[in-house]
Amino acid sequence: MSRFKKGDLVYLPSQVRLIQTDLAGNPVKQKVVEKPQNVLVIGAEDTTLINSVATILCDGEHWHTPLRNLCPIVEASCD
């Protein structure tokens, strides 16, 4: 099972390559993230393989990136 699920807010570091694909899974567009940001997971493979991919919403577009590029956001305690 993936460690991220649809609707999770995650941290995306800078210098990560993102890819968009067509319906057949062929890459059609790519970009490298210039600055770190929080992004929304809109889909993730249900697998623990190293090359598992998440679909994220970044800058208003759907992108794919390996799960290893994403970090969970930990809630801080105000106590």
N, C-alpha and C. Protein backbone atom coordinates (compact mmCIF):
# COMPACT_ATOMS: atom_id res chain seq x y z
N MET A 1 0.84 -1.18 0.00
CA MET A 1 0.00 0.00 0.00
C MET A 1 0.89 1.24 0.00
N SER A 2 0.48 2.27 -0.69
CA SER A 2 1.23 3.51 -0.77
C SER A 2 1.21 4.23 0.57
N ARG A 3 2.28 4.94 0.87
CA ARG A 3 2.30 5.70 2.13
C ARG A 3 1.54 7.01 1.99
N PHE A 4 1.18 7.39 0.78
CA PHE A 4 0.36 8.58 0.55
C PHE A 4 -0.95 8.16 -0.10
N LYS A 5 -2.00 8.91 0.20
CA LYS A 5 -3.29 8.61 -0.42
C LYS A 5 -3.87 9.89 -1.02
N LYS A 6 -4.86 9.72 -1.83
CA LYS A 6 -5.53 10.84 -2.48
C LYS A 6 -6.00 11.83 -1.41
N GLY A 7 -5.69 13.11 -1.63
CA GLY A 7 -6.09 14.15 -0.69
C GLY A 7 -5.01 14.56 0.29
N ASP A 8 -3.89 13.82 0.34
CA ASP A 8 -2.80 14.18 1.24
C ASP A 8 -2.05 15.41 0.73
N LEU A 9 -1.70 16.29 1.66
CA LEU A 9 -0.84 17.43 1.35
C LEU A 9 0.58 17.00 1.66
N VAL A 10 1.49 17.12 0.70
CA VAL A 10 2.87 16.65 0.87
C VAL A 10 3.86 17.74 0.46
N TYR A 11 5.09 17.57 0.90
CA TYR A 11 6.17 18.51 0.59
C TYR A 11 6.91 18.01 -0.64
N LEU A 12 7.11 18.89 -1.59
CA LEU A 12 7.86 18.60 -2.82
C LEU A 12 9.10 19.48 -2.84
N PRO A 13 10.29 18.90 -2.69
CA PRO A 13 11.52 19.71 -2.69
C PRO A 13 11.82 20.30 -4.07
N SER A 14 12.76 21.21 -4.11
CA SER A 14 13.18 21.80 -5.38
C SER A 14 14.03 20.78 -6.16
N GLN A 15 14.21 21.05 -7.42
CA GLN A 15 15.02 20.26 -8.34
C GLN A 15 14.47 18.85 -8.60
N VAL A 16 13.17 18.65 -8.39
CA VAL A 16 12.51 17.38 -8.70
C VAL A 16 11.92 17.47 -10.10
N ARG A 17 12.11 16.43 -10.89
CA ARG A 17 11.56 16.39 -12.24
C ARG A 17 10.14 15.85 -12.21
N LEU A 18 9.22 16.58 -12.83
CA LEU A 18 7.81 16.16 -12.93
C LEU A 18 7.51 15.86 -14.39
N ILE A 19 6.62 14.89 -14.62
CA ILE A 19 6.30 14.47 -15.98
C ILE A 19 4.78 14.41 -16.15
N GLN A 20 4.31 14.86 -17.31
CA GLN A 20 2.92 14.67 -17.72
C GLN A 20 2.92 13.63 -18.83
N THR A 21 1.87 12.79 -18.85
CA THR A 21 1.78 11.74 -19.86
C THR A 21 0.45 11.82 -20.60
N ASP A 22 0.43 11.21 -21.78
CA ASP A 22 -0.84 11.09 -22.51
C ASP A 22 -1.59 9.87 -21.99
N LEU A 23 -2.73 9.55 -22.57
CA LEU A 23 -3.55 8.44 -22.11
C LEU A 23 -2.86 7.09 -22.23
N ALA A 24 -1.91 6.98 -23.14
CA ALA A 24 -1.17 5.73 -23.33
C ALA A 24 0.02 5.62 -22.38
N GLY A 25 0.28 6.67 -21.60
CA GLY A 25 1.39 6.65 -20.65
C GLY A 25 2.70 7.17 -21.22
N ASN A 26 2.65 7.75 -22.41
CA ASN A 26 3.86 8.31 -23.02
C ASN A 26 4.11 9.72 -22.49
N PRO A 27 5.35 10.04 -22.12
CA PRO A 27 5.65 11.39 -21.64
C PRO A 27 5.40 12.44 -22.73
N VAL A 28 4.72 13.53 -22.36
CA VAL A 28 4.46 14.59 -23.32
C VAL A 28 4.99 15.95 -22.85
N LYS A 29 5.26 16.07 -21.56
CA LYS A 29 5.72 17.35 -21.01
C LYS A 29 6.47 17.07 -19.72
N GLN A 30 7.52 17.86 -19.46
CA GLN A 30 8.24 17.71 -18.22
C GLN A 30 8.69 19.06 -17.71
N LYS A 31 8.97 19.13 -16.41
CA LYS A 31 9.53 20.34 -15.84
C LYS A 31 10.28 19.98 -14.58
N VAL A 32 11.19 20.85 -14.17
CA VAL A 32 11.94 20.69 -12.93
C VAL A 32 11.44 21.77 -11.97
N VAL A 33 11.08 21.35 -10.77
CA VAL A 33 10.56 22.27 -9.76
C VAL A 33 11.67 23.22 -9.34
N GLU A 34 11.40 24.53 -9.42
CA GLU A 34 12.41 25.53 -9.10
C GLU A 34 12.50 25.85 -7.62
N LYS A 35 11.37 25.77 -6.90
CA LYS A 35 11.39 26.07 -5.48
C LYS A 35 10.54 25.04 -4.73
N PRO A 36 10.90 24.72 -3.50
CA PRO A 36 10.11 23.74 -2.75
C PRO A 36 8.71 24.26 -2.49
N GLN A 37 7.76 23.34 -2.42
CA GLN A 37 6.37 23.73 -2.21
C GLN A 37 5.55 22.56 -1.68
N ASN A 38 4.40 22.87 -1.14
CA ASN A 38 3.44 21.86 -0.73
C ASN A 38 2.51 21.59 -1.90
N VAL A 39 2.24 20.31 -2.16
CA VAL A 39 1.37 19.92 -3.27
C VAL A 39 0.35 18.91 -2.78
N LEU A 40 -0.71 18.73 -3.55
CA LEU A 40 -1.79 17.82 -3.21
C LEU A 40 -1.65 16.53 -4.00
N VAL A 41 -1.73 15.39 -3.30
CA VAL A 41 -1.71 14.09 -3.97
C VAL A 41 -3.11 13.83 -4.51
N ILE A 42 -3.22 13.58 -5.81
CA ILE A 42 -4.54 13.29 -6.40
C ILE A 42 -4.63 11.84 -6.86
N GLY A 43 -3.54 11.10 -6.69
CA GLY A 43 -3.53 9.67 -7.00
C GLY A 43 -2.17 9.09 -6.67
N ALA A 44 -2.16 7.85 -6.19
CA ALA A 44 -0.90 7.17 -5.89
C ALA A 44 -1.08 5.68 -6.12
N GLU A 45 -0.06 5.05 -6.67
CA GLU A 45 -0.11 3.61 -6.89
C GLU A 45 -0.20 2.90 -5.55
N ASP A 46 -0.96 1.84 -5.52
CA ASP A 46 -1.13 1.05 -4.31
C ASP A 46 -0.06 -0.04 -4.28
N THR A 47 1.20 0.39 -4.12
CA THR A 47 2.32 -0.55 -4.13
C THR A 47 3.47 0.02 -3.32
N THR A 48 4.37 -0.83 -2.92
CA THR A 48 5.54 -0.38 -2.15
C THR A 48 6.82 -0.49 -2.99
N LEU A 49 6.67 -0.66 -4.28
CA LEU A 49 7.85 -0.73 -5.15
C LEU A 49 8.62 0.58 -5.15
N ILE A 50 9.91 0.51 -5.36
CA ILE A 50 10.76 1.70 -5.35
C ILE A 50 10.32 2.70 -6.41
N ASN A 51 9.88 2.24 -7.55
CA ASN A 51 9.52 3.13 -8.65
C ASN A 51 8.04 3.51 -8.66
N SER A 52 7.36 3.39 -7.53
CA SER A 52 5.95 3.78 -7.46
C SER A 52 5.81 5.26 -7.76
N VAL A 53 4.72 5.61 -8.43
CA VAL A 53 4.52 6.98 -8.89
C VAL A 53 3.26 7.58 -8.26
N ALA A 54 3.35 8.85 -7.91
CA ALA A 54 2.20 9.60 -7.42
C ALA A 54 1.80 10.61 -8.47
N THR A 55 0.51 10.89 -8.54
CA THR A 55 0.00 11.98 -9.36
C THR A 55 -0.29 13.12 -8.40
N ILE A 56 0.25 14.29 -8.70
CA ILE A 56 0.10 15.44 -7.82
C ILE A 56 -0.47 16.63 -8.58
N LEU A 57 -1.01 17.57 -7.83
CA LEU A 57 -1.48 18.83 -8.39
C LEU A 57 -0.44 19.88 -8.04
N CYS A 58 0.24 20.39 -9.05
CA CYS A 58 1.31 21.36 -8.85
C CYS A 58 1.13 22.50 -9.85
N ASP A 59 1.05 23.70 -9.35
CA ASP A 59 0.87 24.88 -10.21
C ASP A 59 -0.37 24.75 -11.11
N GLY A 60 -1.42 24.13 -10.58
CA GLY A 60 -2.69 24.02 -11.29
C GLY A 60 -2.75 22.93 -12.35
N GLU A 61 -1.73 22.07 -12.42
CA GLU A 61 -1.70 21.00 -13.42
C GLU A 61 -1.42 19.66 -12.75
N HIS A 62 -1.85 18.58 -13.41
CA HIS A 62 -1.58 17.23 -12.93
C HIS A 62 -0.20 16.80 -13.41
N TRP A 63 0.62 16.26 -12.49
CA TRP A 63 1.97 15.81 -12.81
C TRP A 63 2.21 14.46 -12.14
N HIS A 64 3.18 13.72 -12.67
CA HIS A 64 3.60 12.44 -12.08
C HIS A 64 5.03 12.58 -11.57
N THR A 65 5.29 11.96 -10.42
CA THR A 65 6.64 11.93 -9.86
C THR A 65 6.78 10.68 -9.00
N PRO A 66 7.97 10.11 -8.91
CA PRO A 66 8.15 8.96 -8.03
C PRO A 66 7.85 9.33 -6.57
N LEU A 67 7.25 8.39 -5.84
CA LEU A 67 6.91 8.64 -4.44
C LEU A 67 8.12 9.02 -3.60
N ARG A 68 9.30 8.53 -3.98
CA ARG A 68 10.51 8.84 -3.20
C ARG A 68 10.83 10.33 -3.19
N ASN A 69 10.24 11.11 -4.13
CA ASN A 69 10.48 12.55 -4.18
C ASN A 69 9.59 13.34 -3.23
N LEU A 70 8.60 12.70 -2.63
CA LEU A 70 7.64 13.39 -1.78
C LEU A 70 7.91 13.10 -0.30
N CYS A 71 7.64 14.09 0.54
CA CYS A 71 7.82 13.94 1.99
C CYS A 71 6.51 14.27 2.69
N PRO A 72 6.18 13.50 3.73
CA PRO A 72 4.96 13.81 4.47
C PRO A 72 5.11 15.11 5.24
N ILE A 73 4.01 15.79 5.46
CA ILE A 73 3.99 17.01 6.26
C ILE A 73 3.54 16.60 7.66
N VAL A 74 4.36 16.92 8.63
CA VAL A 74 4.06 16.56 10.02
C VAL A 74 3.44 17.73 10.72
N GLU A 75 2.32 17.48 11.40
CA GLU A 75 1.66 18.55 12.13
C GLU A 75 2.47 18.92 13.38
N ALA A 76 2.62 20.20 13.61
CA ALA A 76 3.34 20.67 14.78
C ALA A 76 2.38 20.82 15.95
N SER A 77 2.86 20.55 17.11
CA SER A 77 2.05 20.69 18.32
C SER A 77 2.26 22.09 18.88
N CYS A 78 1.19 22.72 19.33
CA CYS A 78 1.26 24.07 19.89
C CYS A 78 1.31 24.04 21.42
N ASP A 79 1.60 22.89 21.99
CA ASP A 79 1.62 22.78 23.46
C ASP A 79 2.79 23.50 24.06
